[in-house]
Every structure is written in structure tokens, then in C-alpha cells.
PDB file of N, CA and C in Angstrom:
ATOM      1  N   MET A   1    -104.130 -24.435  32.863  1.00  0.00           N
ATOM      2  CA  MET A   1    -103.251 -23.299  32.339  1.00  0.00           C
ATOM      3  C   MET A   1    -103.449 -22.049  33.240  1.00  0.00           C
ATOM      4  N   PRO A   2    -102.364 -21.288  33.202  1.00  0.00           N
ATOM      5  CA  PRO A   2    -102.496 -19.952  33.974  1.00  0.00           C
ATOM      6  C   PRO A   2    -103.394 -19.039  33.263  1.00  0.00           C
ATOM      7  N   LYS A   3    -103.858 -18.008  34.058  1.00  0.00           N
ATOM      8  CA  LYS A   3    -104.697 -16.983  33.649  1.00  0.00           C
ATOM      9  C   LYS A   3    -104.243 -16.300  32.386  1.00  0.00           C
ATOM     10  N   GLY A   4    -102.964 -15.967  32.342  1.00  0.00           N
ATOM     11  CA  GLY A   4    -102.367 -15.133  31.333  1.00  0.00           C
ATOM     12  C   GLY A   4    -102.083 -15.872  30.006  1.00  0.00           C
ATOM     13  N   ALA A   5    -102.432 -17.109  29.879  1.00  0.00           N
ATOM     14  CA  ALA A   5    -102.044 -17.792  28.586  1.00  0.00           C
ATOM     15  C   ALA A   5    -103.131 -17.263  27.553  1.00  0.00           C
ATOM     16  N   SER A   6    -102.415 -17.248  26.371  1.00  0.00           N
ATOM     17  CA  SER A   6    -103.136 -16.746  25.159  1.00  0.00           C
ATOM     18  C   SER A   6    -103.932 -17.967  24.778  1.00  0.00           C
ATOM     19  N   PRO A   7    -104.947 -17.721  23.844  1.00  0.00           N
ATOM     20  CA  PRO A   7    -105.863 -18.726  23.271  1.00  0.00           C
ATOM     21  C   PRO A   7    -104.967 -19.678  22.529  1.00  0.00           C
ATOM     22  N   LYS A   8    -103.952 -19.279  21.806  1.00  0.00           N
ATOM     23  CA  LYS A   8    -103.014 -20.112  21.011  1.00  0.00           C
ATOM     24  C   LYS A   8    -102.457 -21.050  21.978  1.00  0.00           C
ATOM     25  N   ARG A   9    -101.908 -20.665  23.156  1.00  0.00           N
ATOM     26  CA  ARG A   9    -101.320 -21.669  24.115  1.00  0.00           C
ATOM     27  C   ARG A   9    -102.284 -22.637  24.773  1.00  0.00           C
ATOM     28  N   GLU A  10    -103.567 -22.049  24.924  1.00  0.00           N
ATOM     29  CA  GLU A  10    -104.691 -23.045  25.360  1.00  0.00           C
ATOM     30  C   GLU A  10    -104.900 -24.139  24.464  1.00  0.00           C
ATOM     31  N   ARG A  11    -104.931 -23.797  23.193  1.00  0.00           N
ATOM     32  CA  ARG A  11    -105.169 -24.803  22.123  1.00  0.00           C
ATOM     33  C   ARG A  11    -104.057 -25.771  22.119  1.00  0.00           C
ATOM     34  N   GLU A  12    -102.775 -25.268  22.230  1.00  0.00           N
ATOM     35  CA  GLU A  12    -101.575 -26.033  22.169  1.00  0.00           C
ATOM     36  C   GLU A  12    -101.523 -26.971  23.412  1.00  0.00           C
ATOM     37  N   TYR A  13    -102.057 -26.569  24.472  1.00  0.00           N
ATOM     38  CA  TYR A  13    -102.086 -27.365  25.741  1.00  0.00           C
ATOM     39  C   TYR A  13    -103.122 -28.452  25.565  1.00  0.00           C
ATOM     40  N   ARG A  14    -104.289 -28.128  25.068  1.00  0.00           N
ATOM     41  CA  ARG A  14    -105.293 -29.284  24.846  1.00  0.00           C
ATOM     42  C   ARG A  14    -104.836 -30.287  23.844  1.00  0.00           C
ATOM     43  N   MET A  15    -104.098 -29.843  22.731  1.00  0.00           N
ATOM     44  CA  MET A  15    -103.653 -30.707  21.691  1.00  0.00           C
ATOM     45  C   MET A  15    -102.607 -31.610  22.285  1.00  0.00           C
ATOM     46  N   LEU A  16    -101.771 -31.099  23.158  1.00  0.00           N
ATOM     47  CA  LEU A  16    -100.739 -32.043  23.701  1.00  0.00           C
ATOM     48  C   LEU A  16    -101.256 -33.051  24.664  1.00  0.00           C
ATOM     49  N   GLU A  17    -102.293 -32.491  25.508  1.00  0.00           N
ATOM     50  CA  GLU A  17    -102.974 -33.388  26.424  1.00  0.00           C
ATOM     51  C   GLU A  17    -103.639 -34.581  25.751  1.00  0.00           C
ATOM     52  N   ARG A  18    -104.318 -34.221  24.682  1.00  0.00           N
ATOM     53  CA  ARG A  18    -105.051 -35.281  23.860  1.00  0.00           C
ATOM     54  C   ARG A  18    -104.061 -36.267  23.256  1.00  0.00           C
ATOM     55  N   LYS A  19    -102.983 -35.839  22.662  1.00  0.00           N
ATOM     56  CA  LYS A  19    -101.885 -36.540  21.968  1.00  0.00           C
ATOM     57  C   LYS A  19    -101.371 -37.465  23.012  1.00  0.00           C
ATOM     58  N   PHE A  20    -101.028 -37.023  24.201  1.00  0.00           N
ATOM     59  CA  PHE A  20    -100.450 -37.906  25.187  1.00  0.00           C
ATOM     60  C   PHE A  20    -101.382 -39.044  25.673  1.00  0.00           C
ATOM     61  N   LYS A  21    -102.777 -38.733  25.782  1.00  0.00           N
ATOM     62  CA  LYS A  21    -103.719 -39.658  26.070  1.00  0.00           C
ATOM     63  C   LYS A  21    -103.848 -40.707  25.013  1.00  0.00           C
ATOM     64  N   GLN A  22    -103.829 -40.258  23.739  1.00  0.00           N
ATOM     65  CA  GLN A  22    -103.924 -41.225  22.720  1.00  0.00           C
ATOM     66  C   GLN A  22    -102.787 -42.301  22.660  1.00  0.00           C
ATOM     67  N   GLU A  23    -101.522 -41.718  22.862  1.00  0.00           N
ATOM     68  CA  GLU A  23    -100.373 -42.393  22.734  1.00  0.00           C
ATOM     69  C   GLU A  23    -100.032 -43.146  23.915  1.00  0.00           C
ATOM     70  N   GLY A  24    -100.788 -42.952  25.028  1.00  0.00           N
ATOM     71  CA  GLY A  24    -100.537 -43.705  26.298  1.00  0.00           C
ATOM     72  C   GLY A  24     -99.343 -43.273  26.997  1.00  0.00           C
ATOM     73  N   ARG A  25     -98.797 -42.016  26.600  1.00  0.00           N
ATOM     74  CA  ARG A  25     -97.541 -41.494  27.221  1.00  0.00           C
ATOM     75  C   ARG A  25     -98.136 -40.712  28.652  1.00  0.00           C
ATOM     76  N   TYR A  26     -97.027 -40.870  29.616  1.00  0.00           N
ATOM     77  CA  TYR A  26     -97.386 -40.234  30.926  1.00  0.00           C
ATOM     78  C   TYR A  26     -98.736 -40.453  31.616  1.00  0.00           C
ATOM     79  N   PRO A  27     -98.900 -41.817  31.689  1.00  0.00           N
ATOM     80  CA  PRO A  27    -100.230 -42.177  32.248  1.00  0.00           C
ATOM     81  C   PRO A  27    -100.522 -41.399  33.553  1.00  0.00           C
ATOM     82  N   GLY A  28    -101.684 -40.895  33.682  1.00  0.00           N
ATOM     83  CA  GLY A  28    -102.046 -40.077  34.812  1.00  0.00           C
ATOM     84  C   GLY A  28    -101.567 -38.734  34.988  1.00  0.00           C
ATOM     85  N   ARG A  29    -100.528 -38.394  34.180  1.00  0.00           N
ATOM     86  CA  ARG A  29     -99.860 -37.021  34.334  1.00  0.00           C
ATOM     87  C   ARG A  29     -99.945 -36.266  33.062  1.00  0.00           C
ATOM     88  N   GLU A  30    -100.851 -36.591  32.083  1.00  0.00           N
ATOM     89  CA  GLU A  30    -100.944 -35.944  30.743  1.00  0.00           C
ATOM     90  C   GLU A  30    -101.068 -34.421  31.068  1.00  0.00           C
ATOM     91  N   GLU A  31    -101.930 -34.128  31.914  1.00  0.00           N
ATOM     92  CA  GLU A  31    -102.293 -32.629  32.009  1.00  0.00           C
ATOM     93  C   GLU A  31    -101.091 -31.923  32.576  1.00  0.00           C
ATOM     94  N   GLU A  32    -100.347 -32.354  33.557  1.00  0.00           N
ATOM     95  CA  GLU A  32     -99.125 -31.933  34.222  1.00  0.00           C
ATOM     96  C   GLU A  32     -98.175 -31.761  33.105  1.00  0.00           C
ATOM     97  N   VAL A  33     -97.670 -32.700  32.445  1.00  0.00           N
ATOM     98  CA  VAL A  33     -96.708 -32.721  31.359  1.00  0.00           C
ATOM     99  C   VAL A  33     -97.047 -31.605  30.312  1.00  0.00           C
ATOM    100  N   ALA A  34     -98.333 -31.624  29.867  1.00  0.00           N
ATOM    101  CA  ALA A  34     -98.651 -30.562  28.725  1.00  0.00           C
ATOM    102  C   ALA A  34     -98.510 -29.329  29.194  1.00  0.00           C
ATOM    103  N   ALA A  35     -98.929 -28.964  30.492  1.00  0.00           N
ATOM    104  CA  ALA A  35     -98.900 -27.686  31.052  1.00  0.00           C
ATOM    105  C   ALA A  35     -97.405 -27.357  31.324  1.00  0.00           C
ATOM    106  N   ARG A  36     -96.644 -28.185  31.728  1.00  0.00           N
ATOM    107  CA  ARG A  36     -95.235 -27.929  31.941  1.00  0.00           C
ATOM    108  C   ARG A  36     -94.498 -27.385  30.439  1.00  0.00           C
ATOM    109  N   ILE A  37     -94.750 -28.222  29.495  1.00  0.00           N
ATOM    110  CA  ILE A  37     -94.233 -27.899  28.200  1.00  0.00           C
ATOM    111  C   ILE A  37     -94.680 -26.644  27.722  1.00  0.00           C
ATOM    112  N   VAL A  38     -95.966 -26.239  27.708  1.00  0.00           N
ATOM    113  CA  VAL A  38     -96.496 -25.024  27.355  1.00  0.00           C
ATOM    114  C   VAL A  38     -96.003 -23.645  28.122  1.00  0.00           C
ATOM    115  N   ASN A  39     -95.869 -24.030  29.445  1.00  0.00           N
ATOM    116  CA  ASN A  39     -95.406 -22.998  30.321  1.00  0.00           C
ATOM    117  C   ASN A  39     -93.967 -22.683  30.029  1.00  0.00           C
ATOM    118  N   LYS A  40     -93.009 -23.739  29.794  1.00  0.00           N
ATOM    119  CA  LYS A  40     -91.720 -23.520  29.396  1.00  0.00           C
ATOM    120  C   LYS A  40     -91.570 -22.733  28.019  1.00  0.00           C
ATOM    121  N   GLN A  41     -92.528 -23.103  27.118  1.00  0.00           N
ATOM    122  CA  GLN A  41     -92.521 -22.415  25.933  1.00  0.00           C
ATOM    123  C   GLN A  41     -92.780 -20.954  26.092  1.00  0.00           C
ATOM    124  N   ARG A  42     -93.858 -20.641  27.047  1.00  0.00           N
ATOM    125  CA  ARG A  42     -94.166 -19.279  27.239  1.00  0.00           C
ATOM    126  C   ARG A  42     -93.021 -18.594  27.807  1.00  0.00           C
ATOM    127  N   ALA A  43     -92.295 -18.985  28.835  1.00  0.00           N
ATOM    128  CA  ALA A  43     -91.140 -18.454  29.434  1.00  0.00           C
ATOM    129  C   ALA A  43     -90.040 -18.158  28.419  1.00  0.00           C
ATOM    130  N   VAL A  44     -89.763 -19.124  27.542  1.00  0.00           N
ATOM    131  CA  VAL A  44     -88.553 -18.975  26.703  1.00  0.00           C
ATOM    132  C   VAL A  44     -88.998 -17.800  25.574  1.00  0.00           C
ATOM    133  N   THR A  45     -90.314 -17.652  25.120  1.00  0.00           N
ATOM    134  CA  THR A  45     -90.614 -16.616  24.336  1.00  0.00           C
ATOM    135  C   THR A  45     -90.785 -15.291  24.923  1.00  0.00           C
ATOM    136  N   GLY A  46     -90.788 -15.258  26.392  1.00  0.00           N
ATOM    137  CA  GLY A  46     -91.015 -13.882  27.019  1.00  0.00           C
ATOM    138  C   GLY A  46     -92.414 -13.598  27.215  1.00  0.00           C
ATOM    139  N   GLU A  47     -93.275 -14.556  27.262  1.00  0.00           N
ATOM    140  CA  GLU A  47     -94.683 -14.159  27.569  1.00  0.00           C
ATOM    141  C   GLU A  47     -95.036 -14.360  29.041  1.00  0.00           C
ATOM    142  N   THR A  48     -93.951 -14.598  29.908  1.00  0.00           N
ATOM    143  CA  THR A  48     -94.281 -14.611  31.354  1.00  0.00           C
ATOM    144  C   THR A  48     -93.436 -13.535  32.152  1.00  0.00           C
ATOM    145  N   LYS A  49     -93.665 -13.373  33.327  1.00  0.00           N
ATOM    146  CA  LYS A  49     -93.071 -12.369  34.145  1.00  0.00           C
ATOM    147  C   LYS A  49     -91.596 -12.884  34.189  1.00  0.00           C
ATOM    148  N   TYR A  50     -91.353 -14.125  34.543  1.00  0.00           N
ATOM    149  CA  TYR A  50     -90.098 -14.715  34.704  1.00  0.00           C
ATOM    150  C   TYR A  50     -89.680 -15.433  33.385  1.00  0.00           C
ATOM    151  N   GLN A  51     -88.603 -14.900  32.673  1.00  0.00           N
ATOM    152  CA  GLN A  51     -88.266 -15.478  31.457  1.00  0.00           C
ATOM    153  C   GLN A  51     -87.224 -16.617  31.707  1.00  0.00           C
ATOM    154  N   HIS A  52     -87.298 -17.568  30.950  1.00  0.00           N
ATOM    155  CA  HIS A  52     -86.360 -18.777  31.028  1.00  0.00           C
ATOM    156  C   HIS A  52     -85.092 -18.313  30.144  1.00  0.00           C
ATOM    157  N   THR A  53     -84.010 -18.545  30.510  1.00  0.00           N
ATOM    158  CA  THR A  53     -82.731 -18.175  29.779  1.00  0.00           C
ATOM    159  C   THR A  53     -82.247 -19.768  29.395  1.00  0.00           C
ATOM    160  N   ALA A  54     -82.025 -19.818  28.058  1.00  0.00           N
ATOM    161  CA  ALA A  54     -81.487 -21.084  27.298  1.00  0.00           C
ATOM    162  C   ALA A  54     -79.971 -21.108  27.835  1.00  0.00           C
ATOM    163  N   PRO A  55     -79.503 -22.262  28.173  1.00  0.00           N
ATOM    164  CA  PRO A  55     -78.106 -22.520  28.520  1.00  0.00           C
ATOM    165  C   PRO A  55     -77.309 -22.121  27.203  1.00  0.00           C
ATOM    166  N   LYS A  56     -76.246 -21.491  27.604  1.00  0.00           N
ATOM    167  CA  LYS A  56     -75.218 -21.024  26.519  1.00  0.00           C
ATOM    168  C   LYS A  56     -74.347 -22.356  25.964  1.00  0.00           C
ATOM    169  N   ARG A  57     -74.183 -22.155  24.750  1.00  0.00           N
ATOM    170  CA  ARG A  57     -73.292 -23.355  24.189  1.00  0.00           C
ATOM    171  C   ARG A  57     -71.809 -23.058  24.399  1.00  0.00           C
ATOM    172  N   SER A  58     -71.011 -24.045  24.579  1.00  0.00           N
ATOM    173  CA  SER A  58     -69.611 -23.815  24.780  1.00  0.00           C
ATOM    174  C   SER A  58     -69.005 -23.299  23.423  1.00  0.00           C
ATOM    175  N   ALA A  59     -67.773 -22.762  23.461  1.00  0.00           N
ATOM    176  CA  ALA A  59     -67.210 -22.242  22.363  1.00  0.00           C
ATOM    177  C   ALA A  59     -66.912 -23.385  21.282  1.00  0.00           C
ATOM    178  N   SER A  60     -66.524 -24.544  21.787  1.00  0.00           N
ATOM    179  CA  SER A  60     -66.242 -25.566  20.780  1.00  0.00           C
ATOM    180  C   SER A  60     -67.292 -26.026  19.961  1.00  0.00           C
ATOM    181  N   ARG A  61     -68.603 -25.814  20.737  1.00  0.00           N
ATOM    182  CA  ARG A  61     -69.863 -26.278  19.930  1.00  0.00           C
ATOM    183  C   ARG A  61     -70.253 -25.331  18.903  1.00  0.00           C
ATOM    184  N   ARG A  62     -69.778 -24.018  19.171  1.00  0.00           N
ATOM    185  CA  ARG A  62     -70.188 -22.849  18.347  1.00  0.00           C
ATOM    186  C   ARG A  62     -69.538 -22.888  17.039  1.00  0.00           C
ATOM    187  N   LYS A  63     -68.188 -23.606  16.987  1.00  0.00           N
ATOM    188  CA  LYS A  63     -67.430 -23.406  15.810  1.00  0.00           C
ATOM    189  C   LYS A  63     -68.183 -24.221  14.636  1.00  0.00           C
ATOM    190  N   SER A  64     -67.833 -23.614  13.472  1.00  0.00           N
ATOM    191  CA  SER A  64     -68.559 -24.311  12.337  1.00  0.00           C
ATOM    192  C   SER A  64     -67.936 -25.679  12.104  1.00  0.00           C
ATOM    193  N   ARG A  65     -68.425 -26.455  11.315  1.00  0.00           N
ATOM    194  CA  ARG A  65     -67.928 -27.802  10.988  1.00  0.00           C
ATOM    195  C   ARG A  65     -66.596 -27.669  10.143  1.00  0.00           C
ATOM    196  N   SER A  66     -66.426 -26.691   9.265  1.00  0.00           N
ATOM    197  CA  SER A  66     -65.230 -26.666   8.565  1.00  0.00           C
ATOM    198  C   SER A  66     -64.142 -26.157   9.460  1.00  0.00           C
ATOM    199  N   ALA A  67     -64.488 -25.271  10.588  1.00  0.00           N
ATOM    200  CA  ALA A  67     -63.365 -24.865  11.333  1.00  0.00           C
ATOM    201  C   ALA A  67     -62.912 -25.886  12.272  1.00  0.00           C
ATOM    202  N   ARG A  68     -63.824 -26.887  12.684  1.00  0.00           N
ATOM    203  CA  ARG A  68     -63.524 -27.928  13.495  1.00  0.00           C
ATOM    204  C   ARG A  68     -62.576 -28.965  12.773  1.00  0.00           C
ATOM    205  N   ASN A  69     -62.997 -29.108  11.476  1.00  0.00           N
ATOM    206  CA  ASN A  69     -62.189 -30.078  10.662  1.00  0.00           C
ATOM    207  C   ASN A  69     -60.908 -29.556  10.329  1.00  0.00           C
ATOM    208  N   SER A  70     -60.660 -28.295  10.094  1.00  0.00           N
ATOM    209  CA  SER A  70     -59.245 -27.735   9.800  1.00  0.00           C
ATOM    210  C   SER A  70     -58.397 -27.673  11.148  1.00  0.00           C
ATOM    211  N   ALA A  71     -59.135 -27.579  12.215  1.00  0.00           N
ATOM    212  CA  ALA A  71     -58.455 -27.561  13.527  1.00  0.00           C
ATOM    213  C   ALA A  71     -57.796 -29.041  13.777  1.00  0.00           C
ATOM    214  N   ARG A  72     -58.441 -30.053  13.214  1.00  0.00           N
ATOM    215  CA  ARG A  72     -58.083 -31.355  13.526  1.00  0.00           C
ATOM    216  C   ARG A  72     -56.798 -31.702  12.628  1.00  0.00           C
ATOM    217  N   ALA A  73     -56.661 -31.119  11.551  1.00  0.00           N
ATOM    218  CA  ALA A  73     -55.680 -31.438  10.570  1.00  0.00           C
ATOM    219  C   ALA A  73     -54.322 -30.970  10.911  1.00  0.00           C
TER     220      ALA A  73
END
């Protein structure tokens, strides 16, 4: 984990790593995958210098279900 990670993120990293080892997922890469997941979460929430921007949803996906159904009729 990077130096700037909070204790909460450190715990989350260790928990993910342990979980992956128990489940047998990502053999030999458990640490890497857990770190990537935690680092991405840190970026999305603004805890890092470089923030991740989530992809924008298209207008058709933003419409409510009722609006889509009335448009089909």
C-alpha cells in the first residue's frame, strides 16, 4: 500500500488479500489485485493527488424506466 493510505484502507487491503487467498482467486497476484482495488477506490473518493473520473452515462441510460416505456409506445 502507498504511504498515504489511511488505516481503514490498509485494513481493507489486508481483508481483500486474505479473501482472495482463501477463495483461490488470482493465484500469485492476490497482493497486486487487492492493491489495485483499494487504490482505485482511493482515487474515486478523492483521497489521492490524481482523482479518477467515472465514465459518464449516455442520455438514453439516464432516462427513467417510465420515460423509456412511454417513448416506446
